[in-house]
Amino acid sequence: MAQRNLSYKGFLTPNYWLVWLALGLAKLLASLPLRMQHRIGSGIGYLAYKALKNRRRICEINIATCFPQLSLEDRDQLVRRVFESNGIGILEAFRSWFSNPESIKSSVQYNGSKHLEAALEKGKGVILLGAHYSTLDLAGSLTTLFFKADVMQRDHSNGLFNAVMTRSRQALYGKVLDKKDLRGLIQSLRDNHVVWYATDQDYGRKVSVFAPFFGVQCATLTTTMRLAAKTGAAVVPFSHFRTEAGCYELNLFPALEEFPSGSVDADAARLNLIIEEQLRAHPEQYLWMHRRFKTALEEGAVNIYGQVRG
């Protein structure tokens, strides 16, 4: 994999000054009390709900598709709450980059540590089965209070922004692997590391099988099954949510038994069901603004967003 440029020396020219200013503001916001961050983040999310019409449309389609039992009014309220929750998630990301997680340890409830310990005792590594909840960045930071993990990341297109993000993560986690670095991921598992891996995005039919998610057939990555088969790693479901009281839950569950099963389709459906069951408790805290169903079941067909992809 290509070496990341994490030095700040190349980012001192005027064309990066606005980025530096934005990062300075982000660092300031990261220092605010949690409740104030939540209020500001919620406001940012509401503004995004009003301004980002295309993202709102995607969210509306996803919510209508996955929660058809809700009334139109309830769907509209849920869509707005999704934006507000993800707005809070932006400020939580800033906190994860610029603040010590120890500062809010008293606001964290860590459940299921025995499941991770039991999985690590097998010596084959652990894949944390994650998903794109709005608390993603902060939850990652908070896990380092309890255990060490390697993470996968998609590098940001802005070099300075990516350097700040990556350096902050490297200070917390074991390894920060590029999302395409499967060789590095496999080595981490063989070294009996914990690797946080989210499978809930649509990368097209070439690397996926179709499995139900909220009753809808969607392209589901097979990477988790292939990694578990190749390394013998345990797969431990992991969720993280923000509570109404403004605290955070980190939840680990028993490692999956008889996984992989030999049926890729059955395993993909199993993984999707686990994520679905977890987020039903907090549906507003999911990244419903991304095109989870962008690959249509039939090749060349129009997907639910009115597009032809894959």
C-alpha atoms as a PDB file:
ATOM      1  CA  MET A   1       0.000   0.000   0.000  1.00  0.00           C
ATOM      2  CA  ALA A   2       1.150   3.573  -0.707  1.00  0.00           C
ATOM      3  CA  GLN A   3       2.656   5.402   2.261  1.00  0.00           C
ATOM      4  CA  ARG A   4       0.431   8.093   3.744  1.00  0.00           C
ATOM      5  CA  ASN A   5       1.800  11.642   3.960  1.00  0.00           C
ATOM      6  CA  LEU A   6       1.188  12.572   7.597  1.00  0.00           C
ATOM      7  CA  SER A   7       3.680  15.421   7.871  1.00  0.00           C
ATOM      8  CA  TYR A   8       2.222  18.901   8.283  1.00  0.00           C
ATOM      9  CA  LYS A   9       5.149  20.538   6.469  1.00  0.00           C
ATOM     10  CA  GLY A  10       3.484  20.281   3.082  1.00  0.00           C
ATOM     11  CA  PHE A  11       0.296  21.970   4.263  1.00  0.00           C
ATOM     12  CA  LEU A  12       1.545  25.433   5.264  1.00  0.00           C
ATOM     13  CA  THR A  13       0.777  27.201   1.977  1.00  0.00           C
ATOM     14  CA  PRO A  14      -2.145  29.677   1.692  1.00  0.00           C
ATOM     15  CA  ASN A  15      -4.413  27.197  -0.078  1.00  0.00           C
ATOM     16  CA  TYR A  16      -4.603  25.233   3.200  1.00  0.00           C
ATOM     17  CA  TRP A  17      -5.253  28.188   5.503  1.00  0.00           C
ATOM     18  CA  LEU A  18      -9.036  27.781   5.411  1.00  0.00           C
ATOM     19  CA  VAL A  19      -8.635  24.103   6.281  1.00  0.00           C
ATOM     20  CA  TRP A  20      -6.402  25.060   9.228  1.00  0.00           C
ATOM     21  CA  LEU A  21      -9.058  27.544  10.328  1.00  0.00           C
ATOM     22  CA  ALA A  22     -11.760  24.886  10.120  1.00  0.00           C
ATOM     23  CA  LEU A  23      -9.614  22.465  12.103  1.00  0.00           C
ATOM     24  CA  GLY A  24      -9.020  25.140  14.736  1.00  0.00           C
ATOM     25  CA  LEU A  25     -12.766  25.616  15.057  1.00  0.00           C
ATOM     26  CA  ALA A  26     -13.218  21.845  15.275  1.00  0.00           C
ATOM     27  CA  LYS A  27     -10.676  21.674  18.100  1.00  0.00           C
ATOM     28  CA  LEU A  28     -12.513  24.452  19.932  1.00  0.00           C
ATOM     29  CA  LEU A  29     -15.843  22.632  19.559  1.00  0.00           C
ATOM     30  CA  ALA A  30     -14.196  19.428  20.789  1.00  0.00           C
ATOM     31  CA  SER A  31     -13.415  21.088  24.108  1.00  0.00           C
ATOM     32  CA  LEU A  32     -17.044  21.977  24.895  1.00  0.00           C
ATOM     33  CA  PRO A  33     -19.076  20.024  27.461  1.00  0.00           C
ATOM     34  CA  LEU A  34     -20.928  17.021  26.061  1.00  0.00           C
ATOM     35  CA  ARG A  35     -24.411  18.469  26.481  1.00  0.00           C
ATOM     36  CA  MET A  36     -23.424  21.663  24.690  1.00  0.00           C
ATOM     37  CA  GLN A  37     -21.873  19.622  21.885  1.00  0.00           C
ATOM     38  CA  HIS A  38     -25.104  17.660  21.571  1.00  0.00           C
ATOM     39  CA  ARG A  39     -27.182  20.828  21.293  1.00  0.00           C
ATOM     40  CA  ILE A  40     -24.875  22.401  18.707  1.00  0.00           C
ATOM     41  CA  GLY A  41     -24.598  19.162  16.754  1.00  0.00           C
ATOM     42  CA  SER A  42     -28.350  18.745  16.729  1.00  0.00           C
ATOM     43  CA  GLY A  43     -28.662  22.268  15.313  1.00  0.00           C
ATOM     44  CA  ILE A  44     -26.089  21.519  12.626  1.00  0.00           C
ATOM     45  CA  GLY A  45     -28.017  18.379  11.730  1.00  0.00           C
ATOM     46  CA  TYR A  46     -31.276  20.302  11.461  1.00  0.00           C
ATOM     47  CA  LEU A  47     -29.660  22.827   9.118  1.00  0.00           C
ATOM     48  CA  ALA A  48     -28.339  19.944   7.016  1.00  0.00           C
ATOM     49  CA  TYR A  49     -31.835  18.450   6.971  1.00  0.00           C
ATOM     50  CA  LYS A  50     -33.123  21.701   5.490  1.00  0.00           C
ATOM     51  CA  ALA A  51     -30.242  22.365   3.092  1.00  0.00           C
ATOM     52  CA  LEU A  52     -29.079  18.960   1.789  1.00  0.00           C
ATOM     53  CA  LYS A  53     -32.119  18.021  -0.257  1.00  0.00           C
ATOM     54  CA  ASN A  54     -30.480  15.139  -2.117  1.00  0.00           C
ATOM     55  CA  ARG A  55     -29.238  13.492   1.096  1.00  0.00           C
ATOM     56  CA  ARG A  56     -32.627  14.063   2.686  1.00  0.00           C
ATOM     57  CA  ARG A  57     -34.298  12.380  -0.265  1.00  0.00           C
ATOM     58  CA  ILE A  58     -32.011   9.339   0.087  1.00  0.00           C
ATOM     59  CA  CYS A  59     -32.776   9.185   3.798  1.00  0.00           C
ATOM     60  CA  GLU A  60     -36.500   9.473   3.171  1.00  0.00           C
ATOM     61  CA  ILE A  61     -36.401   6.621   0.659  1.00  0.00           C
ATOM     62  CA  ASN A  62     -34.395   4.408   3.027  1.00  0.00           C
ATOM     63  CA  ILE A  63     -36.717   5.090   5.962  1.00  0.00           C
ATOM     64  CA  ALA A  64     -39.863   4.516   3.874  1.00  0.00           C
ATOM     65  CA  THR A  65     -38.367   1.263   2.544  1.00  0.00           C
ATOM     66  CA  CYS A  66     -37.182  -0.112   5.887  1.00  0.00           C
ATOM     67  CA  PHE A  67     -39.986   1.166   8.124  1.00  0.00           C
ATOM     68  CA  PRO A  68     -43.143   0.924   5.970  1.00  0.00           C
ATOM     69  CA  GLN A  69     -45.261   0.433   9.101  1.00  0.00           C
ATOM     70  CA  LEU A  70     -44.590   4.014  10.222  1.00  0.00           C
ATOM     71  CA  SER A  71     -47.028   6.776   9.367  1.00  0.00           C
ATOM     72  CA  LEU A  72     -45.870   9.515   7.013  1.00  0.00           C
ATOM     73  CA  GLU A  73     -45.601  11.896   9.977  1.00  0.00           C
ATOM     74  CA  ASP A  74     -43.510   9.430  11.991  1.00  0.00           C
ATOM     75  CA  ARG A  75     -41.222   8.841   9.013  1.00  0.00           C
ATOM     76  CA  ASP A  76     -40.686  12.577   8.607  1.00  0.00           C
ATOM     77  CA  GLN A  77     -39.838  12.905  12.291  1.00  0.00           C
ATOM     78  CA  LEU A  78     -37.416   9.987  12.085  1.00  0.00           C
ATOM     79  CA  VAL A  79     -35.673  11.480   9.047  1.00  0.00           C
ATOM     80  CA  ARG A  80     -35.163  14.754  10.914  1.00  0.00           C
ATOM     81  CA  ARG A  81     -33.843  12.895  13.977  1.00  0.00           C
ATOM     82  CA  VAL A  82     -31.420  10.994  11.742  1.00  0.00           C
ATOM     83  CA  PHE A  83     -29.938  14.275  10.536  1.00  0.00           C
ATOM     84  CA  GLU A  84     -29.801  15.696  14.047  1.00  0.00           C
ATOM     85  CA  SER A  85     -28.109  12.550  15.374  1.00  0.00           C
ATOM     86  CA  ASN A  86     -25.542  12.572  12.593  1.00  0.00           C
ATOM     87  CA  GLY A  87     -24.954  16.283  13.227  1.00  0.00           C
ATOM     88  CA  ILE A  88     -24.085  15.381  16.798  1.00  0.00           C
ATOM     89  CA  GLY A  89     -21.846  12.681  15.359  1.00  0.00           C
ATOM     90  CA  ILE A  90     -19.770  15.345  13.593  1.00  0.00           C
ATOM     91  CA  LEU A  91     -18.941  17.053  16.886  1.00  0.00           C
ATOM     92  CA  GLU A  92     -18.334  13.665  18.484  1.00  0.00           C
ATOM     93  CA  ALA A  93     -15.794  12.983  15.748  1.00  0.00           C
ATOM     94  CA  PHE A  94     -14.020  16.234  16.631  1.00  0.00           C
ATOM     95  CA  ARG A  95     -13.930  15.159  20.274  1.00  0.00           C
ATOM     96  CA  SER A  96     -12.454  11.804  19.277  1.00  0.00           C
ATOM     97  CA  TRP A  97      -9.657  13.546  17.358  1.00  0.00           C
ATOM     98  CA  PHE A  98      -8.771  16.350  19.758  1.00  0.00           C
ATOM     99  CA  SER A  99      -9.757  15.247  23.287  1.00  0.00           C
ATOM    100  CA  ASN A 100      -8.618  12.560  25.694  1.00  0.00           C
ATOM    101  CA  PRO A 101     -11.361   9.891  26.004  1.00  0.00           C
ATOM    102  CA  GLU A 102     -10.616   9.726  29.732  1.00  0.00           C
ATOM    103  CA  SER A 103     -12.409  13.083  30.071  1.00  0.00           C
ATOM    104  CA  ILE A 104     -15.819  11.427  29.565  1.00  0.00           C
ATOM    105  CA  LYS A 105     -15.122   7.910  30.879  1.00  0.00           C
ATOM    106  CA  SER A 106     -17.731   8.425  33.606  1.00  0.00           C
ATOM    107  CA  SER A 107     -20.361   8.803  30.840  1.00  0.00           C
ATOM    108  CA  VAL A 108     -19.549   5.428  29.256  1.00  0.00           C
ATOM    109  CA  GLN A 109     -21.216   2.099  29.951  1.00  0.00           C
ATOM    110  CA  TYR A 110     -19.138  -0.839  28.695  1.00  0.00           C
ATOM    111  CA  ASN A 111     -21.079  -4.088  28.376  1.00  0.00           C
ATOM    112  CA  GLY A 112     -19.992  -7.594  27.403  1.00  0.00           C
ATOM    113  CA  SER A 113     -16.244  -7.490  28.028  1.00  0.00           C
ATOM    114  CA  LYS A 114     -16.266 -11.230  28.797  1.00  0.00           C
ATOM    115  CA  HIS A 115     -17.276 -11.998  25.208  1.00  0.00           C
ATOM    116  CA  LEU A 116     -14.216 -10.238  23.798  1.00  0.00           C
ATOM    117  CA  GLU A 117     -11.914 -11.831  26.356  1.00  0.00           C
ATOM    118  CA  ALA A 118     -13.236 -15.310  25.539  1.00  0.00           C
ATOM    119  CA  ALA A 119     -12.767 -14.717  21.818  1.00  0.00           C
ATOM    120  CA  LEU A 120      -9.178 -13.511  22.267  1.00  0.00           C
ATOM    121  CA  GLU A 121      -8.300 -16.569  24.329  1.00  0.00           C
ATOM    122  CA  LYS A 122      -8.633 -18.653  21.150  1.00  0.00           C
ATOM    123  CA  GLY A 123      -5.610 -16.810  19.724  1.00  0.00           C
ATOM    124  CA  LYS A 124      -6.964 -16.365  16.185  1.00  0.00           C
ATOM    125  CA  GLY A 125      -7.848 -12.683  16.347  1.00  0.00           C
ATOM    126  CA  VAL A 126     -11.239 -11.003  16.615  1.00  0.00           C
ATOM    127  CA  ILE A 127     -13.323  -9.246  13.984  1.00  0.00           C
ATOM    128  CA  LEU A 128     -15.605  -6.710  15.632  1.00  0.00           C
ATOM    129  CA  LEU A 129     -18.767  -6.726  13.540  1.00  0.00           C
ATOM    130  CA  GLY A 130     -19.572  -3.022  13.412  1.00  0.00           C
ATOM    131  CA  ALA A 131     -21.854  -0.736  11.443  1.00  0.00           C
ATOM    132  CA  HIS A 132     -22.039   2.938  10.491  1.00  0.00           C
ATOM    133  CA  TYR A 133     -23.808   4.351  13.509  1.00  0.00           C
ATOM    134  CA  SER A 134     -23.584   8.109  14.027  1.00  0.00           C
ATOM    135  CA  THR A 135     -21.412   7.560  17.132  1.00  0.00           C
ATOM    136  CA  LEU A 136     -18.774   5.755  15.045  1.00  0.00           C
ATOM    137  CA  ASP A 137     -15.762   8.010  15.638  1.00  0.00           C
ATOM    138  CA  LEU A 138     -16.342   8.749  19.298  1.00  0.00           C
ATOM    139  CA  ALA A 139     -17.182   5.135  20.088  1.00  0.00           C
ATOM    140  CA  GLY A 140     -13.885   4.131  18.531  1.00  0.00           C
ATOM    141  CA  SER A 141     -12.083   6.569  20.786  1.00  0.00           C
ATOM    142  CA  LEU A 142     -13.973   5.323  23.835  1.00  0.00           C
ATOM    143  CA  THR A 143     -13.188   1.662  23.174  1.00  0.00           C
ATOM    144  CA  THR A 144      -9.509   2.445  23.750  1.00  0.00           C
ATOM    145  CA  LEU A 145     -10.372   2.982  27.414  1.00  0.00           C
ATOM    146  CA  PHE A 146     -11.083  -0.756  27.620  1.00  0.00           C
ATOM    147  CA  PHE A 147      -9.227  -2.594  24.852  1.00  0.00           C
ATOM    148  CA  LYS A 148      -6.852  -2.030  21.951  1.00  0.00           C
ATOM    149  CA  ALA A 149      -8.082  -2.460  18.388  1.00  0.00           C
ATOM    150  CA  ASP A 150      -6.884  -1.982  14.835  1.00  0.00           C
ATOM    151  CA  VAL A 151      -9.207  -0.078  12.515  1.00  0.00           C
ATOM    152  CA  MET A 152      -9.896   0.274   8.806  1.00  0.00           C
ATOM    153  CA  GLN A 153     -10.273   3.739   7.327  1.00  0.00           C
ATOM    154  CA  ARG A 154     -11.084   5.322   4.003  1.00  0.00           C
ATOM    155  CA  ASP A 155      -8.568   8.135   3.602  1.00  0.00           C
ATOM    156  CA  HIS A 156      -9.978  11.623   3.105  1.00  0.00           C
ATOM    157  CA  SER A 157      -9.367  13.365  -0.225  1.00  0.00           C
ATOM    158  CA  ASN A 158      -8.041  16.506   1.513  1.00  0.00           C
ATOM    159  CA  GLY A 159      -4.446  15.743   2.478  1.00  0.00           C
ATOM    160  CA  LEU A 160      -4.324  17.999   5.546  1.00  0.00           C
ATOM    161  CA  PHE A 161      -7.650  16.805   6.870  1.00  0.00           C
ATOM    162  CA  ASN A 162      -6.542  13.216   6.321  1.00  0.00           C
ATOM    163  CA  ALA A 163      -3.247  13.805   8.133  1.00  0.00           C
ATOM    164  CA  VAL A 164      -4.995  15.230  11.201  1.00  0.00           C
ATOM    165  CA  MET A 165      -7.588  12.444  11.243  1.00  0.00           C
ATOM    166  CA  THR A 166      -5.047   9.661  10.753  1.00  0.00           C
ATOM    167  CA  ARG A 167      -2.530  10.996  13.271  1.00  0.00           C
ATOM    168  CA  SER A 168      -5.231  11.306  15.914  1.00  0.00           C
ATOM    169  CA  ARG A 169      -6.362   7.749  15.261  1.00  0.00           C
ATOM    170  CA  GLN A 170      -2.828   6.379  15.291  1.00  0.00           C
ATOM    171  CA  ALA A 171      -2.391   7.870  18.757  1.00  0.00           C
ATOM    172  CA  LEU A 172      -5.377   5.854  19.978  1.00  0.00           C
ATOM    173  CA  TYR A 173      -5.542   2.604  18.053  1.00  0.00           C
ATOM    174  CA  GLY A 174      -3.097  -0.184  17.378  1.00  0.00           C
ATOM    175  CA  LYS A 175      -2.997   0.135  13.579  1.00  0.00           C
ATOM    176  CA  VAL A 176      -4.913   2.373  11.176  1.00  0.00           C
ATOM    177  CA  LEU A 177      -5.245   0.291   8.026  1.00  0.00           C
ATOM    178  CA  ASP A 178      -6.367   1.477   4.621  1.00  0.00           C
ATOM    179  CA  LYS A 179      -9.759   0.031   3.719  1.00  0.00           C
ATOM    180  CA  LYS A 180      -8.132  -1.835   0.798  1.00  0.00           C
ATOM    181  CA  ASP A 181      -5.299  -3.294   2.880  1.00  0.00           C
ATOM    182  CA  LEU A 182      -6.663  -6.808   3.336  1.00  0.00           C
ATOM    183  CA  ARG A 183      -3.149  -8.195   3.689  1.00  0.00           C
ATOM    184  CA  GLY A 184      -2.549  -5.934   6.671  1.00  0.00           C
ATOM    185  CA  LEU A 185      -5.934  -6.852   8.118  1.00  0.00           C
ATOM    186  CA  ILE A 186      -5.165 -10.570   7.841  1.00  0.00           C
ATOM    187  CA  GLN A 187      -1.791 -10.043   9.521  1.00  0.00           C
ATOM    188  CA  SER A 188      -3.479  -8.208  12.395  1.00  0.00           C
ATOM    189  CA  LEU A 189      -5.820 -11.143  12.932  1.00  0.00           C
ATOM    190  CA  ARG A 190      -2.960 -13.634  12.788  1.00  0.00           C
ATOM    191  CA  ASP A 191      -1.257 -11.554  15.483  1.00  0.00           C
ATOM    192  CA  ASN A 192      -4.412 -12.071  17.609  1.00  0.00           C
ATOM    193  CA  HIS A 193      -5.435  -8.435  17.375  1.00  0.00           C
ATOM    194  CA  VAL A 194      -8.955  -7.030  17.540  1.00  0.00           C
ATOM    195  CA  VAL A 195      -9.962  -5.510  14.199  1.00  0.00           C
ATOM    196  CA  TRP A 196     -13.001  -3.255  13.922  1.00  0.00           C
ATOM    197  CA  TYR A 197     -14.698  -3.908  10.582  1.00  0.00           C
ATOM    198  CA  ALA A 198     -18.022  -2.552   9.285  1.00  0.00           C
ATOM    199  CA  THR A 199     -19.709  -4.493   6.493  1.00  0.00           C
ATOM    200  CA  ASP A 200     -22.858  -2.445   5.971  1.00  0.00           C
ATOM    201  CA  GLN A 201     -22.058  -0.505   2.822  1.00  0.00           C
ATOM    202  CA  ASP A 202     -22.751  -1.332  -0.801  1.00  0.00           C
ATOM    203  CA  TYR A 203     -19.604  -1.829  -2.884  1.00  0.00           C
ATOM    204  CA  GLY A 204     -21.345  -3.508  -5.797  1.00  0.00           C
ATOM    205  CA  ARG A 205     -22.209  -7.005  -6.905  1.00  0.00           C
ATOM    206  CA  LYS A 206     -18.626  -8.128  -7.675  1.00  0.00           C
ATOM    207  CA  VAL A 207     -17.695  -8.306  -3.983  1.00  0.00           C
ATOM    208  CA  SER A 208     -21.140  -9.022  -2.573  1.00  0.00           C
ATOM    209  CA  VAL A 209     -24.063 -11.381  -2.380  1.00  0.00           C
ATOM    210  CA  PHE A 210     -27.671 -10.301  -1.969  1.00  0.00           C
ATOM    211  CA  ALA A 211     -29.205 -10.769   1.458  1.00  0.00           C
ATOM    212  CA  PRO A 212     -32.191  -9.234   3.257  1.00  0.00           C
ATOM    213  CA  PHE A 213     -31.800  -6.084   5.340  1.00  0.00           C
ATOM    214  CA  PHE A 214     -35.089  -4.869   6.808  1.00  0.00           C
ATOM    215  CA  GLY A 215     -36.755  -7.246   4.367  1.00  0.00           C
ATOM    216  CA  VAL A 216     -35.041  -5.733   1.330  1.00  0.00           C
ATOM    217  CA  GLN A 217     -32.483  -7.662  -0.724  1.00  0.00           C
ATOM    218  CA  CYS A 218     -29.272  -5.645  -0.727  1.00  0.00           C
ATOM    219  CA  ALA A 219     -25.668  -6.146  -1.812  1.00  0.00           C
ATOM    220  CA  THR A 220     -23.798  -7.434   1.256  1.00  0.00           C
ATOM    221  CA  LEU A 221     -20.026  -7.736   1.468  1.00  0.00           C
ATOM    222  CA  THR A 222     -18.615 -11.255   1.821  1.00  0.00           C
ATOM    223  CA  THR A 223     -15.334 -10.046   3.326  1.00  0.00           C
ATOM    224  CA  THR A 224     -16.210 -10.993   6.906  1.00  0.00           C
ATOM    225  CA  MET A 225     -16.892 -14.604   5.930  1.00  0.00           C
ATOM    226  CA  ARG A 226     -13.715 -14.845   3.858  1.00  0.00           C
ATOM    227  CA  LEU A 227     -11.558 -13.365   6.628  1.00  0.00           C
ATOM    228  CA  ALA A 228     -13.020 -15.657   9.259  1.00  0.00           C
ATOM    229  CA  ALA A 229     -12.520 -18.698   7.031  1.00  0.00           C
ATOM    230  CA  LYS A 230      -8.923 -17.759   6.176  1.00  0.00           C
ATOM    231  CA  THR A 231      -7.747 -16.870   9.680  1.00  0.00           C
ATOM    232  CA  GLY A 232     -10.095 -18.658  12.062  1.00  0.00           C
ATOM    233  CA  ALA A 233     -10.861 -15.295  13.687  1.00  0.00           C
ATOM    234  CA  ALA A 234     -13.872 -14.997  15.949  1.00  0.00           C
ATOM    235  CA  VAL A 235     -16.622 -12.591  14.867  1.00  0.00           C
ATOM    236  CA  VAL A 236     -17.944 -10.552  17.804  1.00  0.00           C
ATOM    237  CA  PRO A 237     -20.929  -8.247  17.155  1.00  0.00           C
ATOM    238  CA  PHE A 238     -20.411  -4.726  18.466  1.00  0.00           C
ATOM    239  CA  SER A 239     -22.791  -1.776  18.773  1.00  0.00           C
ATOM    240  CA  HIS A 240     -22.502   1.700  20.253  1.00  0.00           C
ATOM    241  CA  PHE A 241     -25.217   4.222  20.948  1.00  0.00           C
ATOM    242  CA  ARG A 242     -25.833   7.582  22.550  1.00  0.00           C
ATOM    243  CA  THR A 243     -28.447   7.409  25.307  1.00  0.00           C
ATOM    244  CA  GLU A 244     -31.213   9.910  25.998  1.00  0.00           C
ATOM    245  CA  ALA A 245     -29.296  10.943  29.103  1.00  0.00           C
ATOM    246  CA  GLY A 246     -26.352  11.956  26.919  1.00  0.00           C
ATOM    247  CA  CYS A 247     -24.166   8.993  27.870  1.00  0.00           C
ATOM    248  CA  TYR A 248     -22.710   6.234  25.668  1.00  0.00           C
ATOM    249  CA  GLU A 249     -23.242   2.488  25.523  1.00  0.00           C
ATOM    250  CA  LEU A 250     -20.558   0.181  24.114  1.00  0.00           C
ATOM    251  CA  ASN A 251     -22.035  -3.295  23.659  1.00  0.00           C
ATOM    252  CA  LEU A 252     -20.177  -6.523  22.882  1.00  0.00           C
ATOM    253  CA  PHE A 253     -22.042  -9.758  22.195  1.00  0.00           C
ATOM    254  CA  PRO A 254     -21.066 -13.456  22.133  1.00  0.00           C
ATOM    255  CA  ALA A 255     -18.892 -14.536  19.219  1.00  0.00           C
ATOM    256  CA  LEU A 256     -20.861 -16.107  16.379  1.00  0.00           C
ATOM    257  CA  GLU A 257     -20.933 -19.890  16.518  1.00  0.00           C
ATOM    258  CA  GLU A 258     -20.446 -22.045  13.430  1.00  0.00           C
ATOM    259  CA  PHE A 259     -19.348 -19.047  11.400  1.00  0.00           C
ATOM    260  CA  PRO A 260     -18.746 -19.148   8.531  1.00  0.00           C
ATOM    261  CA  SER A 261     -21.311 -21.848   7.980  1.00  0.00           C
ATOM    262  CA  GLY A 262     -20.354 -22.806   4.440  1.00  0.00           C
ATOM    263  CA  SER A 263     -23.268 -20.891   2.929  1.00  0.00           C
ATOM    264  CA  VAL A 264     -22.265 -17.368   1.987  1.00  0.00           C
ATOM    265  CA  ASP A 265     -25.880 -16.371   1.429  1.00  0.00           C
ATOM    266  CA  ALA A 266     -26.960 -17.610   4.871  1.00  0.00           C
ATOM    267  CA  ASP A 267     -23.985 -15.930   6.555  1.00  0.00           C
ATOM    268  CA  ALA A 268     -24.673 -12.609   4.820  1.00  0.00           C
ATOM    269  CA  ALA A 269     -28.309 -12.747   5.925  1.00  0.00           C
ATOM    270  CA  ARG A 270     -27.168 -13.525   9.473  1.00  0.00           C
ATOM    271  CA  LEU A 271     -24.836 -10.534   9.614  1.00  0.00           C
ATOM    272  CA  ASN A 272     -27.479  -8.182   8.237  1.00  0.00           C
ATOM    273  CA  LEU A 273     -30.023  -9.431  10.767  1.00  0.00           C
ATOM    274  CA  ILE A 274     -27.612  -8.798  13.650  1.00  0.00           C
ATOM    275  CA  ILE A 275     -27.078  -5.199  12.561  1.00  0.00           C
ATOM    276  CA  GLU A 276     -30.800  -4.727  11.934  1.00  0.00           C
ATOM    277  CA  GLU A 277     -31.718  -5.993  15.405  1.00  0.00           C
ATOM    278  CA  GLN A 278     -29.166  -3.729  17.067  1.00  0.00           C
ATOM    279  CA  LEU A 279     -30.174  -0.508  15.351  1.00  0.00           C
ATOM    280  CA  ARG A 280     -33.924  -1.020  15.746  1.00  0.00           C
ATOM    281  CA  ALA A 281     -33.471   0.244  19.317  1.00  0.00           C
ATOM    282  CA  HIS A 282     -31.973   3.515  18.019  1.00  0.00           C
ATOM    283  CA  PRO A 283     -32.899   3.805  14.326  1.00  0.00           C
ATOM    284  CA  GLU A 284     -32.119   7.543  14.297  1.00  0.00           C
ATOM    285  CA  GLN A 285     -28.457   6.804  15.055  1.00  0.00           C
ATOM    286  CA  TYR A 286     -27.643   5.192  11.717  1.00  0.00           C
ATOM    287  CA  LEU A 287     -26.190   6.621   8.525  1.00  0.00           C
ATOM    288  CA  TRP A 288     -29.420   6.405   6.545  1.00  0.00           C
ATOM    289  CA  MET A 289     -28.145   9.140   4.218  1.00  0.00           C
ATOM    290  CA  HIS A 290     -25.942   6.678   2.338  1.00  0.00           C
ATOM    291  CA  ARG A 291     -27.267   4.543  -0.528  1.00  0.00           C
ATOM    292  CA  ARG A 292     -27.473   1.193   1.250  1.00  0.00           C
ATOM    293  CA  PHE A 293     -29.512  -0.243  -1.631  1.00  0.00           C
ATOM    294  CA  LYS A 294     -27.747   1.342  -4.601  1.00  0.00           C
ATOM    295  CA  THR A 295     -27.084  -1.973  -6.379  1.00  0.00           C
ATOM    296  CA  ALA A 296     -30.337  -3.314  -7.791  1.00  0.00           C
ATOM    297  CA  LEU A 297     -31.033  -7.026  -7.471  1.00  0.00           C
ATOM    298  CA  GLU A 298     -31.277  -7.377 -11.244  1.00  0.00           C
ATOM    299  CA  GLU A 299     -28.213  -6.181 -13.127  1.00  0.00           C
ATOM    300  CA  GLY A 300     -28.968  -3.069 -15.160  1.00  0.00           C
ATOM    301  CA  ALA A 301     -32.237  -2.411 -13.322  1.00  0.00           C
ATOM    302  CA  VAL A 302     -33.193   0.893 -11.726  1.00  0.00           C
ATOM    303  CA  ASN A 303     -32.587   0.924  -7.952  1.00  0.00           C
ATOM    304  CA  ILE A 304     -34.902   2.458  -5.338  1.00  0.00           C
ATOM    305  CA  TYR A 305     -33.175   5.832  -5.774  1.00  0.00           C
ATOM    306  CA  GLY A 306     -34.044   5.927  -9.470  1.00  0.00           C
ATOM    307  CA  GLN A 307     -30.496   5.134 -10.588  1.00  0.00           C
ATOM    308  CA  VAL A 308     -28.822   2.367 -12.554  1.00  0.00           C
ATOM    309  CA  ARG A 309     -25.694   1.164 -10.730  1.00  0.00           C
ATOM    310  CA  GLY A 310     -23.681  -2.021 -10.965  1.00  0.00           C
END
